[in-house]
């Protein structure tokens, strides 16, 4: 099997859609339920003027929830993949800036059993992996169990 066959495999794309979509939904829930806490975490990154913090604290978690759901169901898969890659890239910028600064802070990414995650090089590498897992759904010409495929079939009939 060639790497291009693997990268465009519709079942690999489905697996990646489920993994990344679930990840974003999971990441959004705590932020939606606790927007003030997320606003404080975001403000700690110190990469944007404070005036943007409330907007980011409200918008980003809902964006994560909606994009994660769209990715899982395979609706506008390529567009959603691009949006998620851009969001993950923005996260990488924030992580990189603060790693270079030597900041010792809560990542704000996930809380496992109420334990905050510290910002580290593993946080950076994990987000790079998440971007890589977003690529197969972007490149797969056909998606398994996706609304996009149903829409495409409807157009052909």
N, C-alpha and C. Protein backbone atom coordinates (compact mmCIF):
# COMPACT_ATOMS: atom_id res chain seq x y z
N UNK A 1 0.84 -1.18 0.00
CA UNK A 1 0.00 0.00 0.00
C UNK A 1 0.89 1.24 0.00
N UNK A 2 0.58 2.17 -0.90
CA UNK A 2 1.33 3.42 -0.99
C UNK A 2 0.84 4.40 0.07
N UNK A 3 1.70 5.34 0.42
CA UNK A 3 1.35 6.35 1.43
C UNK A 3 0.17 7.19 0.95
N UNK A 4 0.08 7.43 -0.36
CA UNK A 4 -1.06 8.21 -0.88
C UNK A 4 -2.36 7.44 -0.72
N UNK A 5 -2.30 6.11 -0.85
CA UNK A 5 -3.49 5.30 -0.63
C UNK A 5 -3.94 5.37 0.83
N UNK A 6 -2.98 5.34 1.72
CA UNK A 6 -3.29 5.43 3.14
C UNK A 6 -3.84 6.81 3.49
N UNK A 7 -3.22 7.85 2.97
CA UNK A 7 -3.62 9.22 3.29
C UNK A 7 -5.01 9.55 2.77
N UNK A 8 -5.46 8.87 1.73
CA UNK A 8 -6.78 9.15 1.16
C UNK A 8 -7.80 8.06 1.48
N UNK A 9 -7.44 7.13 2.34
CA UNK A 9 -8.35 6.05 2.70
C UNK A 9 -9.56 6.59 3.46
N UNK A 10 -10.76 6.26 2.99
CA UNK A 10 -11.96 6.86 3.60
C UNK A 10 -12.22 6.35 5.01
N UNK A 11 -11.75 5.15 5.35
CA UNK A 11 -11.97 4.65 6.71
C UNK A 11 -10.93 5.23 7.68
N UNK A 12 -9.73 5.50 7.20
CA UNK A 12 -8.77 6.24 8.03
C UNK A 12 -9.31 7.65 8.26
N UNK A 13 -9.86 8.25 7.20
CA UNK A 13 -10.45 9.59 7.33
C UNK A 13 -11.58 9.58 8.35
N UNK A 14 -12.42 8.55 8.33
CA UNK A 14 -13.51 8.44 9.30
C UNK A 14 -12.96 8.34 10.72
N UNK A 15 -11.94 7.51 10.91
CA UNK A 15 -11.34 7.36 12.23
C UNK A 15 -10.78 8.70 12.71
N UNK A 16 -10.10 9.41 11.84
CA UNK A 16 -9.53 10.71 12.21
C UNK A 16 -10.63 11.73 12.48
N UNK A 17 -11.70 11.70 11.68
CA UNK A 17 -12.82 12.62 11.93
C UNK A 17 -13.41 12.39 13.30
N UNK A 18 -13.59 11.13 13.67
CA UNK A 18 -14.17 10.81 14.98
C UNK A 18 -13.22 11.23 16.10
N UNK A 19 -11.94 10.90 15.96
CA UNK A 19 -10.97 11.25 17.00
C UNK A 19 -10.86 12.76 17.20
N UNK A 20 -10.63 13.48 16.12
CA UNK A 20 -10.43 14.94 16.22
C UNK A 20 -11.75 15.62 16.59
N UNK A 21 -12.84 15.20 16.01
CA UNK A 21 -14.13 15.80 16.35
C UNK A 21 -14.48 15.61 17.81
N UNK A 22 -14.27 14.41 18.33
CA UNK A 22 -14.54 14.12 19.74
C UNK A 22 -13.61 14.94 20.63
N UNK A 23 -12.37 15.05 20.24
CA UNK A 23 -11.40 15.84 20.98
C UNK A 23 -11.87 17.29 21.12
N UNK A 24 -12.30 17.88 20.02
CA UNK A 24 -12.75 19.27 20.08
C UNK A 24 -14.04 19.43 20.88
N UNK A 25 -14.94 18.50 20.76
CA UNK A 25 -16.17 18.56 21.56
C UNK A 25 -15.82 18.47 23.04
N UNK A 26 -14.97 17.51 23.38
CA UNK A 26 -14.55 17.35 24.78
C UNK A 26 -13.86 18.62 25.29
N UNK A 27 -12.97 19.19 24.48
CA UNK A 27 -12.25 20.39 24.90
C UNK A 27 -13.18 21.58 25.08
N UNK A 28 -14.27 21.62 24.35
CA UNK A 28 -15.18 22.76 24.41
C UNK A 28 -16.06 22.77 25.66
N UNK A 29 -16.41 21.61 26.16
CA UNK A 29 -17.43 21.51 27.22
C UNK A 29 -17.04 22.29 28.47
N UNK A 30 -15.87 22.07 29.00
CA UNK A 30 -15.46 22.77 30.22
C UNK A 30 -15.36 24.28 29.98
N UNK A 31 -14.90 24.65 28.80
CA UNK A 31 -14.77 26.07 28.47
C UNK A 31 -16.15 26.74 28.36
N UNK A 32 -17.12 26.02 27.79
CA UNK A 32 -18.48 26.55 27.68
C UNK A 32 -19.10 26.68 29.07
N UNK A 33 -18.89 25.67 29.91
CA UNK A 33 -19.47 25.69 31.25
C UNK A 33 -18.80 26.69 32.18
N UNK A 34 -17.51 27.01 31.91
CA UNK A 34 -16.75 27.91 32.78
C UNK A 34 -16.04 28.98 31.94
N UNK A 35 -16.78 29.87 31.29
CA UNK A 35 -16.15 30.85 30.40
C UNK A 35 -15.21 31.82 31.12
N UNK A 36 -15.50 32.16 32.37
CA UNK A 36 -14.63 33.08 33.10
C UNK A 36 -13.27 32.44 33.35
N UNK A 37 -13.27 31.19 33.73
CA UNK A 37 -12.03 30.46 33.95
C UNK A 37 -11.23 30.37 32.65
N UNK A 38 -11.92 30.07 31.55
CA UNK A 38 -11.23 30.00 30.27
C UNK A 38 -10.69 31.37 29.87
N UNK A 39 -11.44 32.43 30.15
CA UNK A 39 -10.98 33.78 29.85
C UNK A 39 -9.68 34.09 30.59
N UNK A 40 -9.60 33.68 31.86
CA UNK A 40 -8.37 33.91 32.63
C UNK A 40 -7.21 33.12 32.03
N UNK A 41 -7.47 31.88 31.66
CA UNK A 41 -6.42 31.06 31.06
C UNK A 41 -5.95 31.67 29.75
N UNK A 42 -6.89 32.09 28.93
CA UNK A 42 -6.52 32.71 27.65
C UNK A 42 -5.72 33.99 27.88
N UNK A 43 -6.16 34.80 28.83
CA UNK A 43 -5.46 36.06 29.13
C UNK A 43 -4.01 35.79 29.56
N UNK A 44 -3.77 34.67 30.24
CA UNK A 44 -2.41 34.33 30.67
C UNK A 44 -1.45 34.12 29.50
N UNK A 45 -1.98 33.77 28.33
CA UNK A 45 -1.13 33.59 27.16
C UNK A 45 -0.52 34.90 26.70
N UNK A 46 -1.19 36.01 27.01
CA UNK A 46 -0.71 37.36 26.70
C UNK A 46 -0.26 37.51 25.25
N UNK A 47 -1.10 37.06 24.34
CA UNK A 47 -0.77 37.17 22.91
C UNK A 47 -1.71 38.11 22.18
N UNK A 48 -2.77 38.57 22.85
CA UNK A 48 -3.72 39.51 22.25
C UNK A 48 -4.06 40.58 23.29
N UNK A 49 -4.53 41.72 22.83
CA UNK A 49 -4.97 42.73 23.79
C UNK A 49 -6.11 42.20 24.67
N UNK A 50 -6.12 42.63 25.92
CA UNK A 50 -7.13 42.15 26.87
C UNK A 50 -8.56 42.38 26.41
N UNK A 51 -8.77 43.35 25.57
CA UNK A 51 -10.13 43.65 25.08
C UNK A 51 -10.72 42.47 24.30
N UNK A 52 -9.88 41.64 23.71
CA UNK A 52 -10.36 40.50 22.93
C UNK A 52 -10.68 39.28 23.78
N UNK A 53 -10.23 39.26 25.02
CA UNK A 53 -10.38 38.08 25.87
C UNK A 53 -11.83 37.62 26.02
N UNK A 54 -12.78 38.51 26.35
CA UNK A 54 -14.17 38.03 26.49
C UNK A 54 -14.72 37.44 25.19
N UNK A 55 -14.39 38.05 24.07
CA UNK A 55 -14.86 37.54 22.78
C UNK A 55 -14.30 36.15 22.51
N UNK A 56 -13.01 35.98 22.74
CA UNK A 56 -12.36 34.67 22.53
C UNK A 56 -12.95 33.64 23.49
N UNK A 57 -13.17 34.03 24.76
CA UNK A 57 -13.69 33.09 25.77
C UNK A 57 -15.08 32.60 25.43
N UNK A 58 -15.85 33.40 24.73
CA UNK A 58 -17.20 32.97 24.33
C UNK A 58 -17.17 32.27 22.98
N UNK A 59 -16.46 32.83 22.01
CA UNK A 59 -16.48 32.31 20.64
C UNK A 59 -15.75 30.98 20.46
N UNK A 60 -14.53 30.88 20.95
CA UNK A 60 -13.69 29.71 20.68
C UNK A 60 -14.34 28.40 21.16
N UNK A 61 -14.85 28.31 22.39
CA UNK A 61 -15.44 27.03 22.81
C UNK A 61 -16.64 26.60 21.95
N UNK A 62 -17.48 27.56 21.58
CA UNK A 62 -18.63 27.22 20.73
C UNK A 62 -18.16 26.83 19.33
N UNK A 63 -17.13 27.48 18.84
CA UNK A 63 -16.55 27.12 17.56
C UNK A 63 -16.01 25.69 17.62
N UNK A 64 -15.31 25.36 18.70
CA UNK A 64 -14.78 24.00 18.88
C UNK A 64 -15.91 22.98 18.88
N UNK A 65 -16.99 23.28 19.59
CA UNK A 65 -18.13 22.36 19.68
C UNK A 65 -18.77 22.15 18.31
N UNK A 66 -19.05 23.24 17.62
CA UNK A 66 -19.72 23.14 16.31
C UNK A 66 -18.80 22.47 15.29
N UNK A 67 -17.55 22.89 15.23
CA UNK A 67 -16.61 22.30 14.26
C UNK A 67 -16.37 20.82 14.55
N UNK A 68 -16.25 20.47 15.83
CA UNK A 68 -16.07 19.06 16.19
C UNK A 68 -17.26 18.21 15.76
N UNK A 69 -18.45 18.73 15.96
CA UNK A 69 -19.67 18.02 15.55
C UNK A 69 -19.73 17.89 14.03
N UNK A 70 -19.45 18.97 13.33
CA UNK A 70 -19.45 18.93 11.86
C UNK A 70 -18.43 17.93 11.34
N UNK A 71 -17.28 17.85 11.99
CA UNK A 71 -16.23 16.93 11.55
C UNK A 71 -16.67 15.48 11.73
N UNK A 72 -17.26 15.19 12.87
CA UNK A 72 -17.71 13.81 13.12
C UNK A 72 -18.76 13.37 12.11
N UNK A 73 -19.74 14.22 11.85
CA UNK A 73 -20.82 13.83 10.93
C UNK A 73 -20.43 13.98 9.47
N UNK A 74 -19.27 14.58 9.23
CA UNK A 74 -18.79 14.70 7.85
C UNK A 74 -19.55 15.73 7.05
N UNK A 75 -19.86 16.85 7.66
CA UNK A 75 -20.55 17.94 6.97
C UNK A 75 -19.55 19.04 6.67
N UNK A 76 -19.40 19.36 5.37
CA UNK A 76 -18.40 20.35 4.96
C UNK A 76 -17.02 19.96 5.49
N UNK A 77 -16.68 18.71 5.26
CA UNK A 77 -15.49 18.11 5.86
C UNK A 77 -14.22 18.87 5.52
N UNK A 78 -14.02 19.20 4.27
CA UNK A 78 -12.78 19.89 3.88
C UNK A 78 -12.71 21.28 4.50
N UNK A 79 -13.81 22.01 4.47
CA UNK A 79 -13.84 23.35 5.06
C UNK A 79 -13.62 23.28 6.57
N UNK A 80 -14.24 22.29 7.20
CA UNK A 80 -14.08 22.13 8.64
C UNK A 80 -12.65 21.74 8.98
N UNK A 81 -12.05 20.89 8.16
CA UNK A 81 -10.65 20.51 8.38
C UNK A 81 -9.75 21.75 8.31
N UNK A 82 -9.98 22.60 7.33
CA UNK A 82 -9.18 23.83 7.22
C UNK A 82 -9.37 24.70 8.45
N UNK A 83 -10.62 24.86 8.89
CA UNK A 83 -10.90 25.68 10.08
C UNK A 83 -10.20 25.11 11.31
N UNK A 84 -10.24 23.78 11.46
CA UNK A 84 -9.59 23.16 12.63
C UNK A 84 -8.07 23.28 12.54
N UNK A 85 -7.52 23.15 11.35
CA UNK A 85 -6.07 23.31 11.17
C UNK A 85 -5.66 24.75 11.51
N UNK A 86 -6.45 25.72 11.09
CA UNK A 86 -6.15 27.12 11.41
C UNK A 86 -6.25 27.36 12.91
N UNK A 87 -7.26 26.79 13.56
CA UNK A 87 -7.41 26.95 15.01
C UNK A 87 -6.24 26.29 15.74
N UNK A 88 -5.90 25.08 15.34
CA UNK A 88 -4.76 24.39 15.95
C UNK A 88 -3.46 25.16 15.71
N UNK A 89 -3.33 25.76 14.54
CA UNK A 89 -2.13 26.57 14.24
C UNK A 89 -2.07 27.79 15.15
N UNK A 90 -3.21 28.40 15.40
CA UNK A 90 -3.26 29.54 16.33
C UNK A 90 -2.86 29.08 17.73
N UNK A 91 -3.34 27.90 18.13
CA UNK A 91 -2.93 27.35 19.43
C UNK A 91 -1.42 27.15 19.47
N UNK A 92 -0.85 26.63 18.35
CA UNK A 92 0.59 26.41 18.30
C UNK A 92 1.37 27.71 18.45
N UNK A 93 0.87 28.78 17.87
CA UNK A 93 1.53 30.08 18.01
C UNK A 93 1.55 30.49 19.48
N UNK A 94 0.38 30.39 20.13
CA UNK A 94 0.31 30.75 21.55
C UNK A 94 1.21 29.88 22.42
N UNK A 95 1.23 28.60 22.13
CA UNK A 95 2.08 27.68 22.88
C UNK A 95 3.56 28.02 22.66
N UNK A 96 3.94 28.23 21.40
CA UNK A 96 5.33 28.52 21.07
C UNK A 96 5.81 29.81 21.74
N UNK A 97 5.00 30.86 21.62
CA UNK A 97 5.37 32.15 22.22
C UNK A 97 5.62 31.97 23.72
N UNK A 98 4.75 31.25 24.39
CA UNK A 98 4.88 31.11 25.84
C UNK A 98 5.96 30.12 26.25
N UNK A 99 6.24 29.14 25.42
CA UNK A 99 7.38 28.26 25.71
C UNK A 99 8.68 29.04 25.59
N UNK A 100 8.77 29.88 24.56
CA UNK A 100 9.96 30.71 24.38
C UNK A 100 10.11 31.68 25.54
N UNK A 101 9.01 32.21 26.03
CA UNK A 101 9.03 33.12 27.18
C UNK A 101 9.39 32.40 28.48
N UNK A 102 9.27 31.07 28.45
CA UNK A 102 9.53 30.29 29.66
C UNK A 102 8.37 30.32 30.64
N UNK A 103 7.18 30.59 30.14
CA UNK A 103 6.00 30.69 31.00
C UNK A 103 5.68 29.34 31.64
N UNK A 104 5.41 29.37 32.92
CA UNK A 104 4.96 28.18 33.65
C UNK A 104 3.48 28.40 33.92
N UNK A 105 2.63 27.80 33.07
CA UNK A 105 1.21 28.09 33.15
C UNK A 105 0.35 26.91 32.75
N UNK A 106 -0.92 27.02 33.08
CA UNK A 106 -1.92 26.04 32.67
C UNK A 106 -2.13 26.20 31.17
N UNK A 107 -2.13 25.09 30.47
CA UNK A 107 -2.34 25.11 29.03
C UNK A 107 -3.75 25.58 28.67
N UNK A 108 -4.74 25.18 29.46
CA UNK A 108 -6.12 25.52 29.14
C UNK A 108 -6.72 24.62 28.09
N UNK A 109 -6.01 23.58 27.72
CA UNK A 109 -6.46 22.69 26.66
C UNK A 109 -7.50 21.70 27.17
N UNK A 110 -7.13 20.96 28.16
CA UNK A 110 -7.99 19.92 28.74
C UNK A 110 -7.76 19.88 30.23
N UNK A 111 -8.75 19.40 30.92
CA UNK A 111 -8.55 19.08 32.33
C UNK A 111 -8.97 17.63 32.49
N UNK A 112 -8.04 16.80 32.89
CA UNK A 112 -8.35 15.40 33.13
C UNK A 112 -8.59 15.22 34.62
N UNK A 113 -9.80 14.86 34.95
CA UNK A 113 -10.19 14.62 36.33
C UNK A 113 -9.91 15.84 37.21
N UNK A 114 -10.14 17.05 36.63
CA UNK A 114 -9.95 18.29 37.38
C UNK A 114 -8.52 18.73 37.54
N UNK A 115 -7.59 18.03 36.89
CA UNK A 115 -6.17 18.38 37.00
C UNK A 115 -5.78 19.18 35.76
N UNK A 116 -5.37 20.46 35.95
CA UNK A 116 -4.98 21.25 34.78
C UNK A 116 -3.68 20.73 34.17
N UNK A 117 -3.54 20.94 32.88
CA UNK A 117 -2.36 20.51 32.15
C UNK A 117 -1.39 21.68 32.04
N UNK A 118 -0.14 21.46 32.36
CA UNK A 118 0.89 22.50 32.26
C UNK A 118 1.36 22.61 30.82
N UNK A 119 1.66 23.81 30.41
CA UNK A 119 2.19 24.08 29.08
C UNK A 119 3.59 23.47 28.98
N UNK A 120 3.84 22.71 27.91
CA UNK A 120 5.14 22.07 27.74
C UNK A 120 5.37 21.75 26.27
N UNK A 121 6.56 21.26 25.97
CA UNK A 121 6.88 20.86 24.60
C UNK A 121 5.96 19.73 24.15
N UNK A 122 5.52 18.88 25.09
CA UNK A 122 4.60 17.80 24.72
C UNK A 122 3.25 18.37 24.27
N UNK A 123 2.85 19.51 24.84
CA UNK A 123 1.62 20.18 24.40
C UNK A 123 1.78 20.61 22.94
N UNK A 124 2.92 21.17 22.62
CA UNK A 124 3.22 21.59 21.24
C UNK A 124 3.19 20.39 20.30
N UNK A 125 3.90 19.32 20.66
CA UNK A 125 3.97 18.14 19.79
C UNK A 125 2.62 17.47 19.63
N UNK A 126 1.82 17.47 20.68
CA UNK A 126 0.48 16.89 20.60
C UNK A 126 -0.38 17.66 19.60
N UNK A 127 -0.29 18.99 19.61
CA UNK A 127 -1.07 19.79 18.67
C UNK A 127 -0.59 19.57 17.23
N UNK A 128 0.70 19.36 17.04
CA UNK A 128 1.21 19.02 15.71
C UNK A 128 0.60 17.68 15.26
N UNK A 129 0.52 16.71 16.18
CA UNK A 129 -0.11 15.43 15.87
C UNK A 129 -1.59 15.63 15.51
N UNK A 130 -2.28 16.50 16.24
CA UNK A 130 -3.69 16.76 15.94
C UNK A 130 -3.85 17.34 14.54
N UNK A 131 -2.94 18.21 14.14
CA UNK A 131 -2.99 18.74 12.77
C UNK A 131 -2.80 17.60 11.77
N UNK A 132 -1.84 16.72 12.04
CA UNK A 132 -1.60 15.58 11.14
C UNK A 132 -2.84 14.69 11.03
N UNK A 133 -3.55 14.51 12.14
CA UNK A 133 -4.77 13.67 12.12
C UNK A 133 -5.94 14.36 11.42
N UNK A 134 -5.83 15.64 11.22
CA UNK A 134 -6.88 16.38 10.51
C UNK A 134 -6.69 16.30 9.00
N UNK A 135 -5.51 15.90 8.56
CA UNK A 135 -5.20 15.86 7.13
C UNK A 135 -5.90 14.74 6.35
N UNK A 136 -5.96 13.49 6.84
CA UNK A 136 -6.65 12.46 6.05
C UNK A 136 -8.10 12.82 5.68
N UNK A 137 -8.90 13.36 6.60
CA UNK A 137 -10.25 13.76 6.18
C UNK A 137 -10.23 14.88 5.13
N UNK A 138 -9.23 15.73 5.18
CA UNK A 138 -9.12 16.79 4.18
C UNK A 138 -8.80 16.21 2.81
N UNK A 139 -7.89 15.24 2.74
CA UNK A 139 -7.42 14.72 1.46
C UNK A 139 -8.26 13.57 0.90
N UNK A 140 -9.01 12.87 1.73
CA UNK A 140 -9.79 11.73 1.23
C UNK A 140 -10.86 12.23 0.24
N UNK A 141 -10.87 11.68 -0.97
CA UNK A 141 -11.84 12.15 -1.96
C UNK A 141 -13.28 11.74 -1.61
N UNK A 142 -13.41 10.65 -0.90
CA UNK A 142 -14.74 10.19 -0.46
C UNK A 142 -14.66 9.93 1.03
N UNK A 143 -15.74 10.24 1.71
CA UNK A 143 -15.80 10.07 3.15
C UNK A 143 -16.79 8.95 3.50
N UNK A 144 -16.38 8.08 4.42
CA UNK A 144 -17.29 7.03 4.89
C UNK A 144 -18.22 7.64 5.94
N UNK A 145 -19.49 7.28 5.85
CA UNK A 145 -20.49 7.71 6.84
C UNK A 145 -20.47 9.22 7.03
N UNK A 146 -20.53 9.95 5.94
CA UNK A 146 -20.46 11.41 5.99
C UNK A 146 -21.66 12.02 5.28
N UNK A 147 -22.16 13.09 5.84
CA UNK A 147 -23.24 13.82 5.19
C UNK A 147 -22.79 14.32 3.82
N UNK A 148 -21.54 14.71 3.70
CA UNK A 148 -21.01 15.17 2.41
C UNK A 148 -21.24 14.13 1.32
N UNK A 149 -21.02 12.86 1.64
CA UNK A 149 -21.20 11.79 0.66
C UNK A 149 -22.66 11.67 0.25
N UNK A 150 -23.56 11.83 1.19
CA UNK A 150 -25.01 11.77 0.90
C UNK A 150 -25.41 12.94 0.00
N UNK A 151 -24.88 14.11 0.30
CA UNK A 151 -25.18 15.30 -0.51
C UNK A 151 -24.68 15.10 -1.93
N UNK A 152 -23.45 14.57 -2.05
CA UNK A 152 -22.85 14.33 -3.36
C UNK A 152 -23.67 13.30 -4.16
N UNK A 153 -24.14 12.25 -3.51
CA UNK A 153 -24.97 11.24 -4.19
C UNK A 153 -26.28 11.87 -4.67
N UNK A 154 -26.84 12.75 -3.86
CA UNK A 154 -28.09 13.41 -4.24
C UNK A 154 -27.91 14.31 -5.46
N UNK A 155 -26.75 14.95 -5.59
CA UNK A 155 -26.47 15.81 -6.73
C UNK A 155 -26.30 15.00 -8.01
N UNK A 156 -25.80 13.76 -7.88
CA UNK A 156 -25.54 12.92 -9.06
C UNK A 156 -26.81 12.28 -9.59
N UNK A 157 -27.83 12.21 -8.80
CA UNK A 157 -29.07 11.53 -9.26
C UNK A 157 -30.00 12.46 -9.97
